Amino acid sequence: MEDYDRKLDDLFRDYRAACPDVDAGPDFMPKLWQKIEVRHSFWFFFQRFCRIAAPACAAIGLLLVALNVTSTTEYPVASTYADALAADHTAERTDYAEAIRSNMDRDYDSTTVPETR
């Protein structure tokens, strides 16, 4: 048993020699906080941002999926591509549609056919 006590005393003595006493002066806490803040690098802030942003993005994604699933369409869905094109009246609602049509009508009314080489 005495051998264990001697080994423990040697261990404590080696520990005290390896770790000097901390000088608890007036600038002890500011220096300690400087050491802590130096360790807060870019990756620390990046990890912190990701821990906040990832769940927020997941929640927004789930909200968009839920809105997409539960949404009702005001207009019936066209069954084919041709039906969708026939149902599209956006060209009739634009301001420049009449100008395009009047130019196209003049081109078709002309009796001369352009020569091709």
C-alpha atoms as a PDB file:
ATOM      1  CA  MET A   1       0.000   0.000   0.000  1.00  0.00           C
ATOM      2  CA  GLU A   2       2.868   2.293   0.799  1.00  0.00           C
ATOM      3  CA  ASP A   3       4.238   1.756  -2.684  1.00  0.00           C
ATOM      4  CA  TYR A   4       0.982   3.128  -4.155  1.00  0.00           C
ATOM      5  CA  ASP A   5       1.168   6.208  -1.930  1.00  0.00           C
ATOM      6  CA  ARG A   6       4.702   6.887  -3.078  1.00  0.00           C
ATOM      7  CA  LYS A   7       3.706   6.498  -6.738  1.00  0.00           C
ATOM      8  CA  LEU A   8       0.746   8.831  -6.236  1.00  0.00           C
ATOM      9  CA  ASP A   9       2.975  11.427  -4.583  1.00  0.00           C
ATOM     10  CA  ASP A  10       5.418  11.148  -7.506  1.00  0.00           C
ATOM     11  CA  LEU A  11       2.554  11.616  -9.957  1.00  0.00           C
ATOM     12  CA  PHE A  12       1.339  14.759  -8.180  1.00  0.00           C
ATOM     13  CA  ARG A  13       4.894  16.133  -8.045  1.00  0.00           C
ATOM     14  CA  ASP A  14       5.362  15.537 -11.797  1.00  0.00           C
ATOM     15  CA  TYR A  15       2.005  17.166 -12.487  1.00  0.00           C
ATOM     16  CA  ARG A  16       2.934  20.300 -10.486  1.00  0.00           C
ATOM     17  CA  ALA A  17       6.242  20.507 -12.350  1.00  0.00           C
ATOM     18  CA  ALA A  18       4.527  20.178 -15.752  1.00  0.00           C
ATOM     19  CA  CYS A  19       1.767  22.683 -14.993  1.00  0.00           C
ATOM     20  CA  PRO A  20       3.053  25.859 -13.381  1.00  0.00           C
ATOM     21  CA  ASP A  21       0.844  27.852 -11.065  1.00  0.00           C
ATOM     22  CA  VAL A  22      -1.458  30.293 -12.792  1.00  0.00           C
ATOM     23  CA  ASP A  23      -0.731  33.921 -12.006  1.00  0.00           C
ATOM     24  CA  ALA A  24      -4.073  35.271 -10.840  1.00  0.00           C
ATOM     25  CA  GLY A  25      -3.202  38.908 -11.518  1.00  0.00           C
ATOM     26  CA  PRO A  26      -5.542  41.688 -12.613  1.00  0.00           C
ATOM     27  CA  ASP A  27      -5.235  40.713 -16.292  1.00  0.00           C
ATOM     28  CA  PHE A  28      -5.909  37.000 -15.746  1.00  0.00           C
ATOM     29  CA  MET A  29      -9.526  37.003 -16.980  1.00  0.00           C
ATOM     30  CA  PRO A  30      -8.943  39.258 -20.027  1.00  0.00           C
ATOM     31  CA  LYS A  31      -6.073  37.016 -21.153  1.00  0.00           C
ATOM     32  CA  LEU A  32      -8.188  33.934 -20.592  1.00  0.00           C
ATOM     33  CA  TRP A  33     -11.019  35.362 -22.703  1.00  0.00           C
ATOM     34  CA  GLN A  34      -8.550  36.332 -25.435  1.00  0.00           C
ATOM     35  CA  LYS A  35      -7.369  32.724 -25.595  1.00  0.00           C
ATOM     36  CA  ILE A  36     -10.974  31.517 -25.812  1.00  0.00           C
ATOM     37  CA  GLU A  37     -11.940  34.015 -28.518  1.00  0.00           C
ATOM     38  CA  VAL A  38      -8.900  33.148 -30.624  1.00  0.00           C
ATOM     39  CA  ARG A  39     -10.227  29.613 -30.890  1.00  0.00           C
ATOM     40  CA  HIS A  40     -13.520  30.889 -32.316  1.00  0.00           C
ATOM     41  CA  SER A  41     -12.436  30.829 -35.915  1.00  0.00           C
ATOM     42  CA  PHE A  42     -14.397  30.858 -39.161  1.00  0.00           C
ATOM     43  CA  TRP A  43     -15.344  27.184 -38.775  1.00  0.00           C
ATOM     44  CA  PHE A  44     -16.823  27.823 -35.346  1.00  0.00           C
ATOM     45  CA  PHE A  45     -19.138  30.465 -36.761  1.00  0.00           C
ATOM     46  CA  PHE A  46     -19.861  28.329 -39.841  1.00  0.00           C
ATOM     47  CA  GLN A  47     -20.933  25.391 -37.666  1.00  0.00           C
ATOM     48  CA  ARG A  48     -23.083  27.676 -35.557  1.00  0.00           C
ATOM     49  CA  PHE A  49     -24.747  29.117 -38.680  1.00  0.00           C
ATOM     50  CA  CYS A  50     -25.364  25.631 -40.085  1.00  0.00           C
ATOM     51  CA  ARG A  51     -26.971  24.464 -36.858  1.00  0.00           C
ATOM     52  CA  ILE A  52     -29.469  27.302 -37.185  1.00  0.00           C
ATOM     53  CA  ALA A  53     -29.888  27.398 -40.975  1.00  0.00           C
ATOM     54  CA  ALA A  54     -30.332  23.677 -41.675  1.00  0.00           C
ATOM     55  CA  PRO A  55     -33.483  23.204 -39.557  1.00  0.00           C
ATOM     56  CA  ALA A  56     -34.880  26.502 -40.851  1.00  0.00           C
ATOM     57  CA  CYS A  57     -34.374  25.391 -44.470  1.00  0.00           C
ATOM     58  CA  ALA A  58     -35.926  22.016 -43.720  1.00  0.00           C
ATOM     59  CA  ALA A  59     -38.961  23.701 -42.154  1.00  0.00           C
ATOM     60  CA  ILE A  60     -39.370  26.020 -45.147  1.00  0.00           C
ATOM     61  CA  GLY A  61     -39.066  23.042 -47.500  1.00  0.00           C
ATOM     62  CA  LEU A  62     -41.718  21.101 -45.612  1.00  0.00           C
ATOM     63  CA  LEU A  63     -43.977  24.155 -45.644  1.00  0.00           C
ATOM     64  CA  LEU A  64     -43.600  24.501 -49.418  1.00  0.00           C
ATOM     65  CA  VAL A  65     -44.297  20.798 -49.930  1.00  0.00           C
ATOM     66  CA  ALA A  66     -47.398  21.033 -47.742  1.00  0.00           C
ATOM     67  CA  LEU A  67     -48.625  24.094 -49.637  1.00  0.00           C
ATOM     68  CA  ASN A  68     -47.998  22.362 -52.945  1.00  0.00           C
ATOM     69  CA  VAL A  69     -49.873  19.230 -51.905  1.00  0.00           C
ATOM     70  CA  THR A  70     -52.842  21.060 -50.428  1.00  0.00           C
ATOM     71  CA  SER A  71     -53.164  23.731 -53.109  1.00  0.00           C
ATOM     72  CA  THR A  72     -56.127  23.657 -55.432  1.00  0.00           C
ATOM     73  CA  THR A  73     -55.891  24.829 -58.995  1.00  0.00           C
ATOM     74  CA  GLU A  74     -58.230  27.552 -60.164  1.00  0.00           C
ATOM     75  CA  TYR A  75     -58.111  26.348 -63.741  1.00  0.00           C
ATOM     76  CA  PRO A  76     -58.485  22.728 -64.806  1.00  0.00           C
ATOM     77  CA  VAL A  77     -55.244  21.032 -65.730  1.00  0.00           C
ATOM     78  CA  ALA A  78     -54.879  20.474 -69.468  1.00  0.00           C
ATOM     79  CA  SER A  79     -54.578  16.822 -70.374  1.00  0.00           C
ATOM     80  CA  THR A  80     -52.171  17.194 -73.316  1.00  0.00           C
ATOM     81  CA  TYR A  81     -49.554  19.625 -74.504  1.00  0.00           C
ATOM     82  CA  ALA A  82     -51.771  20.728 -77.390  1.00  0.00           C
ATOM     83  CA  ASP A  83     -54.607  21.470 -74.947  1.00  0.00           C
ATOM     84  CA  ALA A  84     -52.229  23.524 -72.815  1.00  0.00           C
ATOM     85  CA  LEU A  85     -51.140  25.545 -75.849  1.00  0.00           C
ATOM     86  CA  ALA A  86     -54.756  26.075 -76.895  1.00  0.00           C
ATOM     87  CA  ALA A  87     -55.674  27.204 -73.385  1.00  0.00           C
ATOM     88  CA  ASP A  88     -52.807  29.705 -73.225  1.00  0.00           C
ATOM     89  CA  HIS A  89     -54.091  33.180 -73.994  1.00  0.00           C
ATOM     90  CA  THR A  90     -51.113  35.185 -72.780  1.00  0.00           C
ATOM     91  CA  ALA A  91     -50.306  36.550 -76.248  1.00  0.00           C
ATOM     92  CA  GLU A  92     -53.793  38.048 -76.458  1.00  0.00           C
ATOM     93  CA  ARG A  93     -53.287  39.920 -73.188  1.00  0.00           C
ATOM     94  CA  THR A  94     -50.004  41.615 -74.106  1.00  0.00           C
ATOM     95  CA  ASP A  95     -49.762  45.145 -75.505  1.00  0.00           C
ATOM     96  CA  TYR A  96     -47.527  44.222 -78.408  1.00  0.00           C
ATOM     97  CA  ALA A  97     -49.612  41.321 -79.735  1.00  0.00           C
ATOM     98  CA  GLU A  98     -51.595  43.507 -82.144  1.00  0.00           C
ATOM     99  CA  ALA A  99     -48.426  45.058 -83.552  1.00  0.00           C
ATOM    100  CA  ILE A 100     -46.987  41.631 -84.208  1.00  0.00           C
ATOM    101  CA  ARG A 101     -50.156  40.426 -85.891  1.00  0.00           C
ATOM    102  CA  SER A 102     -50.512  43.503 -88.095  1.00  0.00           C
ATOM    103  CA  ASN A 103     -46.918  43.120 -89.317  1.00  0.00           C
ATOM    104  CA  MET A 104     -47.463  39.453 -89.977  1.00  0.00           C
ATOM    105  CA  ASP A 105     -50.696  40.176 -91.895  1.00  0.00           C
ATOM    106  CA  ARG A 106     -48.883  42.641 -94.170  1.00  0.00           C
ATOM    107  CA  ASP A 107     -46.198  40.059 -94.897  1.00  0.00           C
ATOM    108  CA  TYR A 108     -48.794  37.472 -95.879  1.00  0.00           C
ATOM    109  CA  ASP A 109     -50.810  39.934 -97.971  1.00  0.00           C
ATOM    110  CA  SER A 110     -47.857  40.832-100.190  1.00  0.00           C
ATOM    111  CA  THR A 111     -47.908  39.132-103.546  1.00  0.00           C
ATOM    112  CA  THR A 112     -44.165  39.088-103.997  1.00  0.00           C
ATOM    113  CA  VAL A 113     -42.295  36.113-102.746  1.00  0.00           C
ATOM    114  CA  PRO A 114     -38.719  36.745-101.562  1.00  0.00           C
ATOM    115  CA  GLU A 115     -36.081  35.032-103.626  1.00  0.00           C
ATOM    116  CA  THR A 116     -34.008  32.322-101.996  1.00  0.00           C
ATOM    117  CA  ARG A 117     -30.503  31.425-103.050  1.00  0.00           C
END
